[in-house]
Amino acid sequence: MRKRSPTHPGAILREDVFPTLGISVTEFAKHLGISRQTLHAVLAEKSSITPELALRIGTFLGNGPQLWIEMQSKYDLWQAELKLKKVLPKITLFKDLLAA
């Protein structure tokens, strides 16, 4: 397991994308067709980038949805592994059950 959480895609938008674009959150949300509150929740790393939002962002920025979905997936998977770090080692591999 990695020692550091992958970066939330909202942080990438907040720290890298917005300064480069030079537009406001309100303008960005309007172009995406979402509420400012929805976008703020993602930028604050309180909400995930859904497949629908990934499609909207990827279309607007021209870099496609896959990048945004993969960033969110890596972040979510790391969070889940952290949450289950004591449980996962106790799960017996299926192939080991068959061998017994």
N, C-alpha and C. Protein backbone atom coordinates (compact mmCIF):
# COMPACT_ATOMS: atom_id res chain seq x y z
N MET A 1 0.84 -1.18 0.00
CA MET A 1 0.00 0.00 0.00
C MET A 1 0.88 1.25 0.00
N ARG A 2 0.43 2.24 -0.74
CA ARG A 2 1.18 3.50 -0.79
C ARG A 2 1.18 4.15 0.58
N LYS A 3 2.17 4.96 0.84
CA LYS A 3 2.27 5.65 2.12
C LYS A 3 1.49 6.96 2.14
N ARG A 4 1.17 7.46 0.96
CA ARG A 4 0.46 8.74 0.85
C ARG A 4 -0.75 8.57 -0.06
N SER A 5 -1.83 9.21 0.34
CA SER A 5 -3.05 9.15 -0.45
C SER A 5 -2.84 9.78 -1.83
N PRO A 6 -3.42 9.16 -2.86
CA PRO A 6 -3.41 9.84 -4.16
C PRO A 6 -4.16 11.17 -4.02
N THR A 7 -3.84 12.09 -4.85
CA THR A 7 -4.46 13.41 -4.80
C THR A 7 -5.91 13.32 -5.28
N HIS A 8 -6.79 13.94 -4.53
CA HIS A 8 -8.20 14.01 -4.92
C HIS A 8 -8.28 14.87 -6.18
N PRO A 9 -9.10 14.46 -7.16
CA PRO A 9 -9.19 15.25 -8.39
C PRO A 9 -9.70 16.68 -8.16
N GLY A 10 -10.44 16.90 -7.10
CA GLY A 10 -10.87 18.25 -6.76
C GLY A 10 -9.70 19.16 -6.46
N ALA A 11 -8.67 18.59 -5.83
CA ALA A 11 -7.46 19.37 -5.53
C ALA A 11 -6.73 19.72 -6.82
N ILE A 12 -6.73 18.80 -7.78
CA ILE A 12 -6.10 19.08 -9.08
C ILE A 12 -6.83 20.23 -9.77
N LEU A 13 -8.15 20.16 -9.75
CA LEU A 13 -8.93 21.26 -10.34
C LEU A 13 -8.63 22.58 -9.64
N ARG A 14 -8.65 22.55 -8.32
CA ARG A 14 -8.47 23.77 -7.51
C ARG A 14 -7.07 24.36 -7.65
N GLU A 15 -6.06 23.51 -7.59
CA GLU A 15 -4.68 23.98 -7.53
C GLU A 15 -4.01 24.15 -8.90
N ASP A 16 -4.41 23.34 -9.86
CA ASP A 16 -3.73 23.36 -11.16
C ASP A 16 -4.59 23.90 -12.30
N VAL A 17 -5.82 23.43 -12.38
CA VAL A 17 -6.66 23.77 -13.53
C VAL A 17 -7.19 25.20 -13.43
N PHE A 18 -7.79 25.55 -12.31
CA PHE A 18 -8.39 26.89 -12.20
C PHE A 18 -7.38 28.02 -12.39
N PRO A 19 -6.21 27.95 -11.78
CA PRO A 19 -5.25 29.04 -12.02
C PRO A 19 -4.85 29.17 -13.49
N THR A 20 -4.79 28.05 -14.18
CA THR A 20 -4.42 28.06 -15.60
C THR A 20 -5.53 28.65 -16.48
N LEU A 21 -6.77 28.29 -16.16
CA LEU A 21 -7.90 28.76 -16.98
C LEU A 21 -8.23 30.22 -16.76
N GLY A 22 -8.05 30.67 -15.53
CA GLY A 22 -8.35 32.06 -15.22
C GLY A 22 -9.84 32.39 -15.25
N ILE A 23 -10.69 31.38 -14.94
CA ILE A 23 -12.12 31.65 -14.84
C ILE A 23 -12.60 31.35 -13.43
N SER A 24 -13.73 31.87 -13.09
CA SER A 24 -14.28 31.68 -11.75
C SER A 24 -14.96 30.32 -11.62
N VAL A 25 -15.20 29.94 -10.39
CA VAL A 25 -15.93 28.70 -10.11
C VAL A 25 -17.33 28.79 -10.73
N THR A 26 -17.93 29.94 -10.61
CA THR A 26 -19.27 30.15 -11.17
C THR A 26 -19.28 29.93 -12.68
N GLU A 27 -18.29 30.50 -13.37
CA GLU A 27 -18.20 30.34 -14.82
C GLU A 27 -17.95 28.88 -15.19
N PHE A 28 -17.05 28.24 -14.47
CA PHE A 28 -16.72 26.83 -14.75
C PHE A 28 -17.96 25.97 -14.57
N ALA A 29 -18.67 26.17 -13.46
CA ALA A 29 -19.88 25.40 -13.19
C ALA A 29 -20.93 25.63 -14.27
N LYS A 30 -21.05 26.88 -14.70
CA LYS A 30 -22.02 27.21 -15.75
C LYS A 30 -21.69 26.49 -17.05
N HIS A 31 -20.41 26.46 -17.42
CA HIS A 31 -19.99 25.77 -18.64
C HIS A 31 -20.24 24.26 -18.54
N LEU A 32 -20.12 23.72 -17.32
CA LEU A 32 -20.35 22.28 -17.12
C LEU A 32 -21.83 21.94 -17.02
N GLY A 33 -22.65 22.94 -16.74
CA GLY A 33 -24.08 22.70 -16.56
C GLY A 33 -24.41 22.11 -15.20
N ILE A 34 -23.62 22.50 -14.18
CA ILE A 34 -23.86 22.03 -12.81
C ILE A 34 -23.96 23.24 -11.89
N SER A 35 -24.40 23.00 -10.67
CA SER A 35 -24.50 24.10 -9.71
C SER A 35 -23.12 24.45 -9.16
N ARG A 36 -23.00 25.68 -8.73
CA ARG A 36 -21.75 26.13 -8.10
C ARG A 36 -21.49 25.32 -6.83
N GLN A 37 -22.55 24.98 -6.11
CA GLN A 37 -22.42 24.21 -4.87
C GLN A 37 -21.86 22.81 -5.14
N THR A 38 -22.31 22.21 -6.23
CA THR A 38 -21.79 20.88 -6.60
C THR A 38 -20.30 20.97 -6.88
N LEU A 39 -19.91 21.97 -7.63
CA LEU A 39 -18.50 22.14 -7.95
C LEU A 39 -17.68 22.46 -6.70
N HIS A 40 -18.21 23.31 -5.84
CA HIS A 40 -17.50 23.64 -4.59
C HIS A 40 -17.26 22.40 -3.74
N ALA A 41 -18.24 21.51 -3.69
CA ALA A 41 -18.09 20.28 -2.90
C ALA A 41 -16.95 19.41 -3.44
N VAL A 42 -16.80 19.38 -4.75
CA VAL A 42 -15.69 18.61 -5.36
C VAL A 42 -14.36 19.32 -5.07
N LEU A 43 -14.34 20.63 -5.24
CA LEU A 43 -13.10 21.38 -5.00
C LEU A 43 -12.66 21.30 -3.55
N ALA A 44 -13.63 21.18 -2.63
CA ALA A 44 -13.32 21.06 -1.20
C ALA A 44 -13.01 19.61 -0.82
N GLU A 45 -13.04 18.72 -1.81
CA GLU A 45 -12.76 17.29 -1.62
C GLU A 45 -13.79 16.62 -0.71
N LYS A 46 -15.00 17.14 -0.72
CA LYS A 46 -16.09 16.57 0.06
C LYS A 46 -16.98 15.69 -0.80
N SER A 47 -16.89 15.84 -2.10
CA SER A 47 -17.66 15.03 -3.05
C SER A 47 -16.73 14.43 -4.08
N SER A 48 -17.16 13.32 -4.63
CA SER A 48 -16.39 12.62 -5.66
C SER A 48 -16.76 13.12 -7.04
N ILE A 49 -15.87 12.85 -7.96
CA ILE A 49 -16.18 13.10 -9.36
C ILE A 49 -16.88 11.86 -9.89
N THR A 50 -18.15 12.03 -10.22
CA THR A 50 -18.96 10.93 -10.74
C THR A 50 -18.63 10.72 -12.22
N PRO A 51 -19.05 9.59 -12.78
CA PRO A 51 -18.85 9.42 -14.22
C PRO A 51 -19.47 10.55 -15.04
N GLU A 52 -20.65 11.01 -14.64
CA GLU A 52 -21.29 12.11 -15.37
C GLU A 52 -20.45 13.38 -15.29
N LEU A 53 -19.96 13.69 -14.10
CA LEU A 53 -19.14 14.89 -13.93
C LEU A 53 -17.82 14.74 -14.68
N ALA A 54 -17.25 13.54 -14.69
CA ALA A 54 -16.02 13.30 -15.44
C ALA A 54 -16.24 13.56 -16.93
N LEU A 55 -17.39 13.16 -17.43
CA LEU A 55 -17.71 13.42 -18.83
C LEU A 55 -17.81 14.92 -19.10
N ARG A 56 -18.43 15.63 -18.19
CA ARG A 56 -18.59 17.08 -18.36
C ARG A 56 -17.23 17.79 -18.31
N ILE A 57 -16.42 17.45 -17.30
CA ILE A 57 -15.10 18.09 -17.15
C ILE A 57 -14.20 17.73 -18.33
N GLY A 58 -14.16 16.44 -18.65
CA GLY A 58 -13.31 15.98 -19.74
C GLY A 58 -13.68 16.59 -21.09
N THR A 59 -14.97 16.79 -21.29
CA THR A 59 -15.43 17.43 -22.53
C THR A 59 -15.03 18.90 -22.54
N PHE A 60 -15.28 19.59 -21.45
CA PHE A 60 -14.97 21.01 -21.38
C PHE A 60 -13.46 21.29 -21.51
N LEU A 61 -12.66 20.49 -20.82
CA LEU A 61 -11.21 20.70 -20.85
C LEU A 61 -10.53 20.06 -22.05
N GLY A 62 -11.24 19.15 -22.72
CA GLY A 62 -10.68 18.52 -23.91
C GLY A 62 -9.74 17.37 -23.61
N ASN A 63 -9.73 16.89 -22.36
CA ASN A 63 -8.83 15.79 -22.03
C ASN A 63 -9.56 14.49 -21.73
N GLY A 64 -10.85 14.45 -21.97
CA GLY A 64 -11.64 13.24 -21.82
C GLY A 64 -11.96 12.87 -20.38
N PRO A 65 -12.93 12.00 -20.20
CA PRO A 65 -13.37 11.63 -18.85
C PRO A 65 -12.47 10.64 -18.13
N GLN A 66 -11.73 9.83 -18.87
CA GLN A 66 -10.96 8.75 -18.27
C GLN A 66 -9.96 9.23 -17.21
N LEU A 67 -9.29 10.30 -17.50
CA LEU A 67 -8.32 10.87 -16.56
C LEU A 67 -8.98 11.17 -15.21
N TRP A 68 -10.15 11.80 -15.27
CA TRP A 68 -10.84 12.22 -14.04
C TRP A 68 -11.40 11.03 -13.28
N ILE A 69 -11.93 10.05 -14.00
CA ILE A 69 -12.44 8.83 -13.36
C ILE A 69 -11.31 8.04 -12.72
N GLU A 70 -10.19 7.94 -13.41
CA GLU A 70 -9.06 7.18 -12.86
C GLU A 70 -8.49 7.85 -11.61
N MET A 71 -8.39 9.17 -11.62
CA MET A 71 -7.92 9.88 -10.42
C MET A 71 -8.85 9.62 -9.25
N GLN A 72 -10.16 9.71 -9.51
CA GLN A 72 -11.13 9.50 -8.44
C GLN A 72 -11.09 8.06 -7.95
N SER A 73 -10.96 7.12 -8.88
CA SER A 73 -10.91 5.71 -8.52
C SER A 73 -9.69 5.39 -7.66
N LYS A 74 -8.54 5.91 -8.03
CA LYS A 74 -7.32 5.69 -7.23
C LYS A 74 -7.47 6.27 -5.84
N TYR A 75 -8.05 7.46 -5.75
CA TYR A 75 -8.27 8.09 -4.45
C TYR A 75 -9.23 7.25 -3.60
N ASP A 76 -10.35 6.85 -4.20
CA ASP A 76 -11.36 6.07 -3.48
C ASP A 76 -10.81 4.72 -3.03
N LEU A 77 -10.06 4.05 -3.90
CA LEU A 77 -9.49 2.75 -3.56
C LEU A 77 -8.51 2.87 -2.41
N TRP A 78 -7.68 3.90 -2.41
CA TRP A 78 -6.73 4.10 -1.32
C TRP A 78 -7.48 4.32 0.00
N GLN A 79 -8.53 5.12 -0.05
CA GLN A 79 -9.33 5.39 1.15
C GLN A 79 -9.97 4.10 1.68
N ALA A 80 -10.49 3.28 0.77
CA ALA A 80 -11.11 2.01 1.16
C ALA A 80 -10.08 1.06 1.76
N GLU A 81 -8.89 0.99 1.16
CA GLU A 81 -7.83 0.12 1.70
C GLU A 81 -7.43 0.56 3.09
N LEU A 82 -7.35 1.85 3.30
CA LEU A 82 -7.01 2.38 4.62
C LEU A 82 -8.08 1.98 5.64
N LYS A 83 -9.32 2.09 5.24
CA LYS A 83 -10.44 1.76 6.12
C LYS A 83 -10.46 0.27 6.46
N LEU A 84 -10.08 -0.57 5.51
CA LEU A 84 -10.16 -2.03 5.68
C LEU A 84 -8.82 -2.69 5.97
N LYS A 85 -7.82 -1.91 6.34
CA LYS A 85 -6.47 -2.48 6.48
C LYS A 85 -6.38 -3.60 7.52
N LYS A 86 -7.24 -3.61 8.51
CA LYS A 86 -7.22 -4.68 9.52
C LYS A 86 -8.10 -5.86 9.12
N VAL A 87 -9.04 -5.62 8.22
CA VAL A 87 -9.98 -6.66 7.81
C VAL A 87 -9.43 -7.50 6.65
N LEU A 88 -8.83 -6.86 5.68
CA LEU A 88 -8.39 -7.56 4.47
C LEU A 88 -7.43 -8.72 4.73
N PRO A 89 -6.45 -8.59 5.64
CA PRO A 89 -5.56 -9.73 5.88
C PRO A 89 -6.27 -10.95 6.46
N LYS A 90 -7.44 -10.79 7.02
CA LYS A 90 -8.18 -11.90 7.63
C LYS A 90 -9.03 -12.66 6.61
N ILE A 91 -9.13 -12.14 5.39
CA ILE A 91 -9.93 -12.80 4.36
C ILE A 91 -9.10 -13.90 3.70
N THR A 92 -9.63 -15.11 3.71
CA THR A 92 -8.95 -16.26 3.12
C THR A 92 -9.11 -16.23 1.60
N LEU A 93 -8.04 -16.48 0.90
CA LEU A 93 -8.09 -16.55 -0.56
C LEU A 93 -8.97 -17.73 -0.99
N PHE A 94 -9.76 -17.52 -2.01
CA PHE A 94 -10.65 -18.58 -2.50
C PHE A 94 -9.86 -19.82 -2.88
N LYS A 95 -8.73 -19.65 -3.57
CA LYS A 95 -7.94 -20.80 -4.01
C LYS A 95 -7.43 -21.60 -2.82
N ASP A 96 -7.18 -20.93 -1.69
CA ASP A 96 -6.74 -21.63 -0.48
C ASP A 96 -7.87 -22.45 0.13
N LEU A 97 -9.12 -21.99 -0.03
CA LEU A 97 -10.27 -22.75 0.43
C LEU A 97 -10.43 -24.05 -0.36
N LEU A 98 -10.18 -23.96 -1.67
CA LEU A 98 -10.30 -25.13 -2.54
C LEU A 98 -9.22 -26.15 -2.23
N ALA A 99 -8.04 -25.67 -1.85
CA ALA A 99 -6.90 -26.57 -1.58
C ALA A 99 -7.05 -27.29 -0.24
N ALA A 100 -7.87 -26.75 0.64
CA ALA A 100 -8.01 -27.33 1.99
C ALA A 100 -8.85 -28.57 2.01
